[in-house]
Amino acid sequence: MTRTAGSGTGTAEAALTYPYRIKSPTAVYHKLTREFQMKLIRETILASQGNRTQAARLLGIQRTYLLRLIREYQIDVLPPAGSNGKGRTSSDAGPQCGRPTPVTVNAPR
């Protein structure tokens, strides 16, 4: 059986005619991996009620790596419950200017 130049899918002509039909297995792998990571990160952060440290422990990765993935994949996640937006809860926020809170001492009577 002989093939003509334009009859097979593996010919140069077919590749030029249908360049968008042939997808790289590597590209498909990276796309699926990214989608899986994004879904897993979202679900883990929801399960940990927004606590990124706990989510990183559950995922078995460093917290800083989780934060990098959140930024890289542009995952929208809510801040942890009780957070003041700076990564600390309002109970341990301390002074906002960085100086220690002055302590008044009552003089002995």
PDB file of N, CA and C in Angstrom:
ATOM      1  N   MET A   1       0.852  -1.171   0.000  1.00  0.00           N
ATOM      2  CA  MET A   1       0.000   0.000   0.000  1.00  0.00           C
ATOM      3  C   MET A   1       0.899   1.235   0.000  1.00  0.00           C
ATOM      4  N   THR A   2       0.628   2.141  -0.875  1.00  0.00           N
ATOM      5  CA  THR A   2       1.416   3.364  -0.966  1.00  0.00           C
ATOM      6  C   THR A   2       0.572   4.552  -0.549  1.00  0.00           C
ATOM      7  N   ARG A   3       1.248   5.530   0.022  1.00  0.00           N
ATOM      8  CA  ARG A   3       0.564   6.752   0.454  1.00  0.00           C
ATOM      9  C   ARG A   3       0.924   7.881  -0.487  1.00  0.00           C
ATOM     10  N   THR A   4      -0.036   8.711  -0.704  1.00  0.00           N
ATOM     11  CA  THR A   4       0.248   9.910  -1.485  1.00  0.00           C
ATOM     12  C   THR A   4       0.644  11.017  -0.526  1.00  0.00           C
ATOM     13  N   ALA A   5       1.198  12.066  -1.031  1.00  0.00           N
ATOM     14  CA  ALA A   5       1.746  13.142  -0.198  1.00  0.00           C
ATOM     15  C   ALA A   5       0.700  13.784   0.702  1.00  0.00           C
ATOM     16  N   GLY A   6      -0.528  13.879   0.303  1.00  0.00           N
ATOM     17  CA  GLY A   6      -1.519  14.579   1.108  1.00  0.00           C
ATOM     18  C   GLY A   6      -2.530  13.673   1.777  1.00  0.00           C
ATOM     19  N   SER A   7      -2.338  12.369   1.754  1.00  0.00           N
ATOM     20  CA  SER A   7      -3.374  11.488   2.272  1.00  0.00           C
ATOM     21  C   SER A   7      -3.200  11.108   3.738  1.00  0.00           C
ATOM     22  N   GLY A   8      -2.003  11.173   4.296  1.00  0.00           N
ATOM     23  CA  GLY A   8      -1.777  10.718   5.667  1.00  0.00           C
ATOM     24  C   GLY A   8      -1.782  11.854   6.666  1.00  0.00           C
ATOM     25  N   THR A   9      -2.032  11.534   7.937  1.00  0.00           N
ATOM     26  CA  THR A   9      -2.029  12.567   8.969  1.00  0.00           C
ATOM     27  C   THR A   9      -0.624  12.880   9.442  1.00  0.00           C
ATOM     28  N   GLY A  10       0.340  12.020   9.137  1.00  0.00           N
ATOM     29  CA  GLY A  10       1.693  12.234   9.601  1.00  0.00           C
ATOM     30  C   GLY A  10       2.571  12.947   8.599  1.00  0.00           C
ATOM     31  N   THR A  11       2.029  13.407   7.524  1.00  0.00           N
ATOM     32  CA  THR A  11       2.830  14.076   6.497  1.00  0.00           C
ATOM     33  C   THR A  11       3.045  15.533   6.850  1.00  0.00           C
ATOM     34  N   ALA A  12       4.039  16.105   6.207  1.00  0.00           N
ATOM     35  CA  ALA A  12       4.326  17.524   6.425  1.00  0.00           C
ATOM     36  C   ALA A  12       3.160  18.388   5.966  1.00  0.00           C
ATOM     37  N   GLU A  13       2.501  17.974   4.900  1.00  0.00           N
ATOM     38  CA  GLU A  13       1.364  18.745   4.391  1.00  0.00           C
ATOM     39  C   GLU A  13       0.227  18.761   5.413  1.00  0.00           C
ATOM     40  N   ALA A  14      -0.025  17.614   6.032  1.00  0.00           N
ATOM     41  CA  ALA A  14      -1.090  17.539   7.036  1.00  0.00           C
ATOM     42  C   ALA A  14      -0.748  18.398   8.244  1.00  0.00           C
ATOM     43  N   ALA A  15       0.519  18.422   8.629  1.00  0.00           N
ATOM     44  CA  ALA A  15       0.926  19.238   9.768  1.00  0.00           C
ATOM     45  C   ALA A  15       0.775  20.717   9.457  1.00  0.00           C
ATOM     46  N   LEU A  16       1.036  21.101   8.208  1.00  0.00           N
ATOM     47  CA  LEU A  16       0.873  22.498   7.833  1.00  0.00           C
ATOM     48  C   LEU A  16      -0.594  22.881   7.694  1.00  0.00           C
ATOM     49  N   THR A  17      -1.413  21.938   7.273  1.00  0.00           N
ATOM     50  CA  THR A  17      -2.827  22.206   7.085  1.00  0.00           C
ATOM     51  C   THR A  17      -3.560  22.288   8.426  1.00  0.00           C
ATOM     52  N   TYR A  18      -3.234  21.432   9.377  1.00  0.00           N
ATOM     53  CA  TYR A  18      -3.927  21.353  10.664  1.00  0.00           C
ATOM     54  C   TYR A  18      -2.943  21.542  11.825  1.00  0.00           C
ATOM     55  N   PRO A  19      -2.276  22.692  11.926  1.00  0.00           N
ATOM     56  CA  PRO A  19      -1.278  22.849  12.989  1.00  0.00           C
ATOM     57  C   PRO A  19      -1.890  22.916  14.386  1.00  0.00           C
ATOM     58  N   TYR A  20      -3.152  23.273  14.497  1.00  0.00           N
ATOM     59  CA  TYR A  20      -3.755  23.446  15.814  1.00  0.00           C
ATOM     60  C   TYR A  20      -4.396  22.178  16.339  1.00  0.00           C
ATOM     61  N   ARG A  21      -4.503  21.158  15.529  1.00  0.00           N
ATOM     62  CA  ARG A  21      -5.093  19.902  15.986  1.00  0.00           C
ATOM     63  C   ARG A  21      -4.088  19.066  16.759  1.00  0.00           C
ATOM     64  N   ILE A  22      -2.813  19.234  16.491  1.00  0.00           N
ATOM     65  CA  ILE A  22      -1.775  18.446  17.137  1.00  0.00           C
ATOM     66  C   ILE A  22      -1.352  19.179  18.409  1.00  0.00           C
ATOM     67  N   LYS A  23      -1.646  18.603  19.575  1.00  0.00           N
ATOM     68  CA  LYS A  23      -1.275  19.203  20.843  1.00  0.00           C
ATOM     69  C   LYS A  23      -0.118  18.430  21.439  1.00  0.00           C
ATOM     70  N   SER A  24       0.782  19.160  22.016  1.00  0.00           N
ATOM     71  CA  SER A  24       1.929  18.545  22.654  1.00  0.00           C
ATOM     72  C   SER A  24       1.468  17.830  23.919  1.00  0.00           C
ATOM     73  N   PRO A  25       1.888  16.591  24.121  1.00  0.00           N
ATOM     74  CA  PRO A  25       1.526  15.904  25.365  1.00  0.00           C
ATOM     75  C   PRO A  25       2.048  16.644  26.588  1.00  0.00           C
ATOM     76  N   THR A  26       3.179  17.315  26.449  1.00  0.00           N
ATOM     77  CA  THR A  26       3.741  18.081  27.565  1.00  0.00           C
ATOM     78  C   THR A  26       2.835  19.254  27.922  1.00  0.00           C
ATOM     79  N   ALA A  27       2.315  19.940  26.913  1.00  0.00           N
ATOM     80  CA  ALA A  27       1.420  21.076  27.165  1.00  0.00           C
ATOM     81  C   ALA A  27       0.142  20.617  27.852  1.00  0.00           C
ATOM     82  N   VAL A  28      -0.388  19.494  27.412  1.00  0.00           N
ATOM     83  CA  VAL A  28      -1.601  18.947  28.030  1.00  0.00           C
ATOM     84  C   VAL A  28      -1.326  18.564  29.476  1.00  0.00           C
ATOM     85  N   TYR A  29      -0.186  17.933  29.720  1.00  0.00           N
ATOM     86  CA  TYR A  29       0.199  17.527  31.085  1.00  0.00           C
ATOM     87  C   TYR A  29       0.294  18.746  31.998  1.00  0.00           C
ATOM     88  N   HIS A  30       0.984  19.798  31.550  1.00  0.00           N
ATOM     89  CA  HIS A  30       1.148  20.985  32.391  1.00  0.00           C
ATOM     90  C   HIS A  30      -0.178  21.685  32.646  1.00  0.00           C
ATOM     91  N   LYS A  31      -1.039  21.723  31.663  1.00  0.00           N
ATOM     92  CA  LYS A  31      -2.358  22.341  31.841  1.00  0.00           C
ATOM     93  C   LYS A  31      -3.177  21.574  32.877  1.00  0.00           C
ATOM     94  N   LEU A  32      -3.202  20.255  32.764  1.00  0.00           N
ATOM     95  CA  LEU A  32      -3.970  19.441  33.705  1.00  0.00           C
ATOM     96  C   LEU A  32      -3.380  19.506  35.110  1.00  0.00           C
ATOM     97  N   THR A  33      -2.050  19.518  35.205  1.00  0.00           N
ATOM     98  CA  THR A  33      -1.396  19.618  36.510  1.00  0.00           C
ATOM     99  C   THR A  33      -1.739  20.941  37.181  1.00  0.00           C
ATOM    100  N   ARG A  34      -1.692  22.024  36.420  1.00  0.00           N
ATOM    101  CA  ARG A  34      -2.013  23.346  36.952  1.00  0.00           C
ATOM    102  C   ARG A  34      -3.457  23.394  37.449  1.00  0.00           C
ATOM    103  N   GLU A  35      -4.399  22.877  36.648  1.00  0.00           N
ATOM    104  CA  GLU A  35      -5.810  22.871  37.052  1.00  0.00           C
ATOM    105  C   GLU A  35      -6.011  22.057  38.323  1.00  0.00           C
ATOM    106  N   PHE A  36      -5.336  20.912  38.409  1.00  0.00           N
ATOM    107  CA  PHE A  36      -5.458  20.069  39.599  1.00  0.00           C
ATOM    108  C   PHE A  36      -4.897  20.777  40.825  1.00  0.00           C
ATOM    109  N   GLN A  37      -3.716  21.407  40.697  1.00  0.00           N
ATOM    110  CA  GLN A  37      -3.119  22.127  41.819  1.00  0.00           C
ATOM    111  C   GLN A  37      -4.022  23.264  42.285  1.00  0.00           C
ATOM    112  N   MET A  38      -4.574  24.019  41.347  1.00  0.00           N
ATOM    113  CA  MET A  38      -5.439  25.132  41.712  1.00  0.00           C
ATOM    114  C   MET A  38      -6.664  24.652  42.492  1.00  0.00           C
ATOM    115  N   LYS A  39      -7.283  23.590  42.005  1.00  0.00           N
ATOM    116  CA  LYS A  39      -8.472  23.056  42.686  1.00  0.00           C
ATOM    117  C   LYS A  39      -8.110  22.521  44.066  1.00  0.00           C
ATOM    118  N   LEU A  40      -6.994  21.805  44.159  1.00  0.00           N
ATOM    119  CA  LEU A  40      -6.561  21.230  45.437  1.00  0.00           C
ATOM    120  C   LEU A  40      -6.237  22.328  46.449  1.00  0.00           C
ATOM    121  N   ILE A  41      -5.571  23.384  46.008  1.00  0.00           N
ATOM    122  CA  ILE A  41      -5.233  24.486  46.910  1.00  0.00           C
ATOM    123  C   ILE A  41      -6.493  25.184  47.399  1.00  0.00           C
ATOM    124  N   ARG A  42      -7.420  25.485  46.485  1.00  0.00           N
ATOM    125  CA  ARG A  42      -8.681  26.132  46.891  1.00  0.00           C
ATOM    126  C   ARG A  42      -9.429  25.303  47.933  1.00  0.00           C
ATOM    127  N   GLU A  43      -9.586  24.016  47.651  1.00  0.00           N
ATOM    128  CA  GLU A  43     -10.344  23.153  48.553  1.00  0.00           C
ATOM    129  C   GLU A  43      -9.648  22.994  49.902  1.00  0.00           C
ATOM    130  N   THR A  44      -8.324  22.924  49.911  1.00  0.00           N
ATOM    131  CA  THR A  44      -7.590  22.770  51.164  1.00  0.00           C
ATOM    132  C   THR A  44      -7.679  24.034  52.004  1.00  0.00           C
ATOM    133  N   ILE A  45      -7.608  25.201  51.373  1.00  0.00           N
ATOM    134  CA  ILE A  45      -7.724  26.451  52.125  1.00  0.00           C
ATOM    135  C   ILE A  45      -9.133  26.608  52.679  1.00  0.00           C
ATOM    136  N   LEU A  46     -10.137  26.208  51.920  1.00  0.00           N
ATOM    137  CA  LEU A  46     -11.506  26.244  52.440  1.00  0.00           C
ATOM    138  C   LEU A  46     -11.661  25.290  53.611  1.00  0.00           C
ATOM    139  N   ALA A  47     -11.073  24.093  53.502  1.00  0.00           N
ATOM    140  CA  ALA A  47     -11.168  23.110  54.580  1.00  0.00           C
ATOM    141  C   ALA A  47     -10.460  23.588  55.844  1.00  0.00           C
ATOM    142  N   SER A  48      -9.398  24.389  55.672  1.00  0.00           N
ATOM    143  CA  SER A  48      -8.667  24.904  56.834  1.00  0.00           C
ATOM    144  C   SER A  48      -9.188  26.270  57.270  1.00  0.00           C
ATOM    145  N   GLN A  49     -10.337  26.660  56.755  1.00  0.00           N
ATOM    146  CA  GLN A  49     -11.026  27.907  57.096  1.00  0.00           C
ATOM    147  C   GLN A  49     -10.140  29.125  56.873  1.00  0.00           C
ATOM    148  N   GLY A  50      -9.383  29.107  55.769  1.00  0.00           N
ATOM    149  CA  GLY A  50      -8.553  30.244  55.411  1.00  0.00           C
ATOM    150  C   GLY A  50      -7.176  30.252  56.047  1.00  0.00           C
ATOM    151  N   ASN A  51      -6.871  29.283  56.915  1.00  0.00           N
ATOM    152  CA  ASN A  51      -5.573  29.240  57.582  1.00  0.00           C
ATOM    153  C   ASN A  51      -4.552  28.636  56.627  1.00  0.00           C
ATOM    154  N   ARG A  52      -3.706  29.507  56.061  1.00  0.00           N
ATOM    155  CA  ARG A  52      -2.744  29.059  55.061  1.00  0.00           C
ATOM    156  C   ARG A  52      -1.653  28.169  55.645  1.00  0.00           C
ATOM    157  N   THR A  53      -1.265  28.415  56.895  1.00  0.00           N
ATOM    158  CA  THR A  53      -0.255  27.572  57.543  1.00  0.00           C
ATOM    159  C   THR A  53      -0.782  26.154  57.683  1.00  0.00           C
ATOM    160  N   GLN A  54      -2.006  26.024  58.142  1.00  0.00           N
ATOM    161  CA  GLN A  54      -2.611  24.702  58.287  1.00  0.00           C
ATOM    162  C   GLN A  54      -2.810  24.046  56.920  1.00  0.00           C
ATOM    163  N   ALA A  55      -3.199  24.827  55.929  1.00  0.00           N
ATOM    164  CA  ALA A  55      -3.385  24.284  54.580  1.00  0.00           C
ATOM    165  C   ALA A  55      -2.066  23.754  54.029  1.00  0.00           C
ATOM    166  N   ALA A  56      -0.974  24.481  54.251  1.00  0.00           N
ATOM    167  CA  ALA A  56       0.338  24.031  53.783  1.00  0.00           C
ATOM    168  C   ALA A  56       0.731  22.727  54.468  1.00  0.00           C
ATOM    169  N   ARG A  57       0.458  22.621  55.761  1.00  0.00           N
ATOM    170  CA  ARG A  57       0.761  21.365  56.473  1.00  0.00           C
ATOM    171  C   ARG A  57      -0.044  20.205  55.905  1.00  0.00           C
ATOM    172  N   LEU A  58      -1.337  20.451  55.631  1.00  0.00           N
ATOM    173  CA  LEU A  58      -2.175  19.393  55.070  1.00  0.00           C
ATOM    174  C   LEU A  58      -1.681  18.959  53.685  1.00  0.00           C
ATOM    175  N   LEU A  59      -1.170  19.923  52.912  1.00  0.00           N
ATOM    176  CA  LEU A  59      -0.671  19.618  51.579  1.00  0.00           C
ATOM    177  C   LEU A  59       0.744  19.043  51.598  1.00  0.00           C
ATOM    178  N   GLY A  60       1.426  19.175  52.747  1.00  0.00           N
ATOM    179  CA  GLY A  60       2.790  18.664  52.854  1.00  0.00           C
ATOM    180  C   GLY A  60       3.815  19.538  52.163  1.00  0.00           C
ATOM    181  N   ILE A  61       3.547  20.851  52.091  1.00  0.00           N
ATOM    182  CA  ILE A  61       4.472  21.784  51.461  1.00  0.00           C
ATOM    183  C   ILE A  61       4.764  22.931  52.423  1.00  0.00           C
ATOM    184  N   GLN A  62       5.807  23.703  52.136  1.00  0.00           N
ATOM    185  CA  GLN A  62       6.140  24.866  52.942  1.00  0.00           C
ATOM    186  C   GLN A  62       5.082  25.947  52.756  1.00  0.00           C
ATOM    187  N   ARG A  63       4.842  26.715  53.809  1.00  0.00           N
ATOM    188  CA  ARG A  63       3.855  27.796  53.741  1.00  0.00           C
ATOM    189  C   ARG A  63       4.242  28.820  52.677  1.00  0.00           C
ATOM    190  N   THR A  64       5.524  29.140  52.583  1.00  0.00           N
ATOM    191  CA  THR A  64       5.970  30.125  51.595  1.00  0.00           C
ATOM    192  C   THR A  64       5.741  29.622  50.169  1.00  0.00           C
ATOM    193  N   TYR A  65       5.899  28.316  49.953  1.00  0.00           N
ATOM    194  CA  TYR A  65       5.643  27.757  48.623  1.00  0.00           C
ATOM    195  C   TYR A  65       4.146  27.832  48.306  1.00  0.00           C
ATOM    196  N   LEU A  66       3.301  27.565  49.313  1.00  0.00           N
ATOM    197  CA  LEU A  66       1.849  27.693  49.113  1.00  0.00           C
ATOM    198  C   LEU A  66       1.497  29.125  48.739  1.00  0.00           C
ATOM    199  N   LEU A  67       2.079  30.093  49.436  1.00  0.00           N
ATOM    200  CA  LEU A  67       1.801  31.498  49.130  1.00  0.00           C
ATOM    201  C   LEU A  67       2.264  31.855  47.719  1.00  0.00           C
ATOM    202  N   ARG A  68       3.404  31.296  47.292  1.00  0.00           N
ATOM    203  CA  ARG A  68       3.890  31.545  45.936  1.00  0.00           C
ATOM    204  C   ARG A  68       2.929  30.965  44.899  1.00  0.00           C
ATOM    205  N   LEU A  69       2.412  29.750  45.170  1.00  0.00           N
ATOM    206  CA  LEU A  69       1.456  29.141  44.238  1.00  0.00           C
ATOM    207  C   LEU A  69       0.165  29.943  44.171  1.00  0.00           C
ATOM    208  N   ILE A  70      -0.301  30.436  45.307  1.00  0.00           N
ATOM    209  CA  ILE A  70      -1.514  31.259  45.341  1.00  0.00           C
ATOM    210  C   ILE A  70      -1.312  32.507  44.487  1.00  0.00           C
ATOM    211  N   ARG A  71      -0.140  33.139  44.636  1.00  0.00           N
ATOM    212  CA  ARG A  71       0.159  34.332  43.841  1.00  0.00           C
ATOM    213  C   ARG A  71       0.332  33.990  42.365  1.00  0.00           C
ATOM    214  N   GLU A  72       1.089  32.930  42.082  1.00  0.00           N
ATOM    215  CA  GLU A  72       1.379  32.545  40.700  1.00  0.00           C
ATOM    216  C   GLU A  72       0.118  32.164  39.938  1.00  0.00           C
ATOM    217  N   TYR A  73      -0.750  31.384  40.574  1.00  0.00           N
ATOM    218  CA  TYR A  73      -1.980  30.932  39.924  1.00  0.00           C
ATOM    219  C   TYR A  73      -3.118  31.928  40.082  1.00  0.00           C
ATOM    220  N   GLN A  74      -2.878  33.033  40.799  1.00  0.00           N
ATOM    221  CA  GLN A  74      -3.876  34.070  41.044  1.00  0.00           C
ATOM    222  C   GLN A  74      -5.158  33.482  41.623  1.00  0.00           C
ATOM    223  N   ILE A  75      -4.982  32.678  42.668  1.00  0.00           N
ATOM    224  CA  ILE A  75      -6.114  32.034  43.329  1.00  0.00           C
ATOM    225  C   ILE A  75      -6.716  33.030  44.312  1.00  0.00           C
ATOM    226  N   ASP A  76      -8.001  33.276  44.183  1.00  0.00           N
ATOM    227  CA  ASP A  76      -8.697  34.163  45.100  1.00  0.00           C
ATOM    228  C   ASP A  76      -9.102  33.376  46.334  1.00  0.00           C
ATOM    229  N   VAL A  77      -8.517  33.730  47.459  1.00  0.00           N
ATOM    230  CA  VAL A  77      -8.868  33.096  48.728  1.00  0.00           C
ATOM    231  C   VAL A  77      -9.129  34.188  49.747  1.00  0.00           C
ATOM    232  N   LEU A  78     -10.033  33.926  50.628  1.00  0.00           N
ATOM    233  CA  LEU A  78     -10.353  34.886  51.677  1.00  0.00           C
ATOM    234  C   LEU A  78      -9.287  34.843  52.749  1.00  0.00           C
ATOM    235  N   PRO A  79      -9.054  35.976  53.440  1.00  0.00           N
ATOM    236  CA  PRO A  79      -8.111  35.955  54.553  1.00  0.00           C
ATOM    237  C   PRO A  79      -8.662  35.088  55.683  1.00  0.00           C
ATOM    238  N   PRO A  80      -7.805  34.585  56.544  1.00  0.00           N
ATOM    239  CA  PRO A  80      -8.272  33.753  57.648  1.00  0.00           C
ATOM    240  C   PRO A  80      -9.272  34.493  58.526  1.00  0.00           C
ATOM    241  N   ALA A  81     -10.155  33.742  59.163  1.00  0.00           N
ATOM    242  CA  ALA A  81     -11.160  34.329  60.045  1.00  0.00           C
ATOM    243  C   ALA A  81     -10.469  35.061  61.190  1.00  0.00           C
ATOM    244  N   GLY A  82     -10.957  36.258  61.515  1.00  0.00           N
ATOM    245  CA  GLY A  82     -10.394  37.034  62.616  1.00  0.00           C
ATOM    246  C   GLY A  82      -9.130  37.776  62.236  1.00  0.00           C
ATOM    247  N   SER A  83      -8.788  37.798  60.959  1.00  0.00           N
ATOM    248  CA  SER A  83      -7.564  38.466  60.528  1.00  0.00           C
ATOM    249  C   SER A  83      -7.822  39.941  60.336  1.00  0.00           C
ATOM    250  N   ASN A  84      -6.796  40.742  60.609  1.00  0.00           N
ATOM    251  CA  ASN A  84      -6.912  42.173  60.393  1.00  0.00           C
ATOM    252  C   ASN A  84      -6.310  42.584  59.060  1.00  0.00           C
ATOM    253  N   GLY A  85      -6.018  41.613  58.191  1.00  0.00           N
ATOM    254  CA  GLY A  85      -5.478  41.907  56.880  1.00  0.00           C
ATOM    255  C   GLY A  85      -3.970  41.949  56.830  1.00  0.00           C
ATOM    256  N   LYS A  86      -3.296  41.837  57.978  1.00  0.00           N
ATOM    257  CA  LYS A  86      -1.836  41.871  58.006  1.00  0.00           C
ATOM    258  C   LYS A  86      -1.267  40.537  58.466  1.00  0.00           C
ATOM    259  N   GLY A  87      -2.081  39.496  58.436  1.00  0.00           N
ATOM    260  CA  GLY A  87      -1.599  38.188  58.824  1.00  0.00           C
ATOM    261  C   GLY A  87      -1.640  37.930  60.310  1.00  0.00           C
ATOM    262  N   ARG A  88      -2.116  38.913  61.083  1.00  0.00           N
ATOM    263  CA  ARG A  88      -2.210  38.734  62.525  1.00  0.00           C
ATOM    264  C   ARG A  88      -3.649  38.933  62.952  1.00  0.00           C
ATOM    265  N   THR A  89      -4.045  38.268  64.000  1.00  0.00           N
ATOM    266  CA  THR A  89      -5.388  38.479  64.512  1.00  0.00           C
ATOM    267  C   THR A  89      -5.411  39.772  65.308  1.00  0.00           C
ATOM    268  N   SER A  90      -6.581  40.326  65.509  1.00  0.00           N
ATOM    269  CA  SER A  90      -6.683  41.602  66.207  1.00  0.00           C
ATOM    270  C   SER A  90      -6.206  41.503  67.650  1.00  0.00           C
ATOM    271  N   SER A  91      -6.238  40.309  68.253  1.00  0.00           N
ATOM    272  CA  SER A  91      -5.827  40.172  69.647  1.00  0.00           C
ATOM    273  C   SER A  91      -4.314  40.265  69.811  1.00  0.00           C
ATOM    274  N   ASP A  92      -3.523  39.887  68.784  1.00  0.00           N
ATOM    275  CA  ASP A  92      -2.071  39.959  68.917  1.00  0.00           C
ATOM    276  C   ASP A  92      -1.468  41.031  68.008  1.00  0.00           C
ATOM    277  N   ALA A  93      -2.289  41.978  67.583  1.00  0.00           N
ATOM    278  CA  ALA A  93      -1.823  42.977  66.631  1.00  0.00           C
ATOM    279  C   ALA A  93      -0.791  43.915  67.230  1.00  0.00           C
ATOM    280  N   GLY A  94      -0.933  44.285  68.481  1.00  0.00           N
ATOM    281  CA  GLY A  94       0.039  45.179  69.093  1.00  0.00           C
ATOM    282  C   GLY A  94      -0.043  46.567  68.501  1.00  0.00           C
ATOM    283  N   PRO A  95       0.946  47.383  68.801  1.00  0.00           N
ATOM    284  CA  PRO A  95       0.928  48.743  68.269  1.00  0.00           C
ATOM    285  C   PRO A  95       1.166  48.748  66.769  1.00  0.00           C
ATOM    286  N   GLN A  96       0.518  49.657  66.074  1.00  0.00           N
ATOM    287  CA  GLN A  96       0.617  49.713  64.629  1.00  0.00           C
ATOM    288  C   GLN A  96       1.872  50.460  64.167  1.00  0.00           C
ATOM    289  N   CYS A  97       2.489  51.286  65.031  1.00  0.00           N
ATOM    290  CA  CYS A  97       3.629  52.087  64.606  1.00  0.00           C
ATOM    291  C   CYS A  97       4.951  51.369  64.817  1.00  0.00           C
ATOM    292  N   GLY A  98       4.974  50.243  65.478  1.00  0.00           N
ATOM    293  CA  GLY A  98       6.203  49.504  65.695  1.00  0.00           C
ATOM    294  C   GLY A  98       6.909  49.849  66.987  1.00  0.00           C
ATOM    295  N   ARG A  99       6.415  50.833  67.714  1.00  0.00           N
ATOM    296  CA  ARG A  99       7.023  51.191  68.995  1.00  0.00           C
ATOM    297  C   ARG A  99       6.295  50.468  70.122  1.00  0.00           C
ATOM    298  N   PRO A 100       6.972  50.198  71.215  1.00  0.00           N
ATOM    299  CA  PRO A 100       6.295  49.528  72.331  1.00  0.00           C
ATOM    300  C   PRO A 100       5.226  50.432  72.945  1.00  0.00           C
ATOM    301  N   THR A 101       4.203  49.799  73.462  1.00  0.00           N
ATOM    302  CA  THR A 101       3.121  50.536  74.126  1.00  0.00           C
ATOM    303  C   THR A 101       3.635  51.076  75.455  1.00  0.00           C
ATOM    304  N   PRO A 102       3.455  52.375  75.713  1.00  0.00           N
ATOM    305  CA  PRO A 102       3.935  52.926  76.992  1.00  0.00           C
ATOM    306  C   PRO A 102       3.157  52.327  78.161  1.00  0.00           C
ATOM    307  N   VAL A 103       3.881  52.078  79.215  1.00  0.00           N
ATOM    308  CA  VAL A 103       3.282  51.487  80.414  1.00  0.00           C
ATOM    309  C   VAL A 103       3.310  52.551  81.509  1.00  0.00           C
ATOM    310  N   THR A 104       2.151  52.769  82.112  1.00  0.00           N
ATOM    311  CA  THR A 104       2.112  53.738  83.220  1.00  0.00           C
ATOM    312  C   THR A 104       2.232  52.969  84.525  1.00  0.00           C
ATOM    313  N   VAL A 105       3.043  53.506  85.389  1.00  0.00           N
ATOM    314  CA  VAL A 105       3.262  52.872  86.684  1.00  0.00           C
ATOM    315  C   VAL A 105       2.664  53.771  87.742  1.00  0.00           C
ATOM    316  N   ASN A 106       1.837  53.204  88.572  1.00  0.00           N
ATOM    317  CA  ASN A 106       1.238  53.978  89.671  1.00  0.00           C
ATOM    318  C   ASN A 106       2.279  54.183  90.753  1.00  0.00           C
ATOM    319  N   ALA A 107       2.433  55.413  91.172  1.00  0.00           N
ATOM    320  CA  ALA A 107       3.397  55.728  92.246  1.00  0.00           C
ATOM    321  C   ALA A 107       2.872  55.188  93.560  1.00  0.00           C
ATOM    322  N   PRO A 108       3.748  54.707  94.437  1.00  0.00           N
ATOM    323  CA  PRO A 108       3.288  54.183  95.736  1.00  0.00           C
ATOM    324  C   PRO A 108       2.671  55.301  96.572  1.00  0.00           C
ATOM    325  N   ARG A 109       1.678  54.971  97.367  1.00  0.00           N
ATOM    326  CA  ARG A 109       0.983  55.964  98.187  1.00  0.00           C
ATOM    327  C   ARG A 109       1.457  55.972  99.577  1.00  0.00           C
TER     328      ARG A 109
END
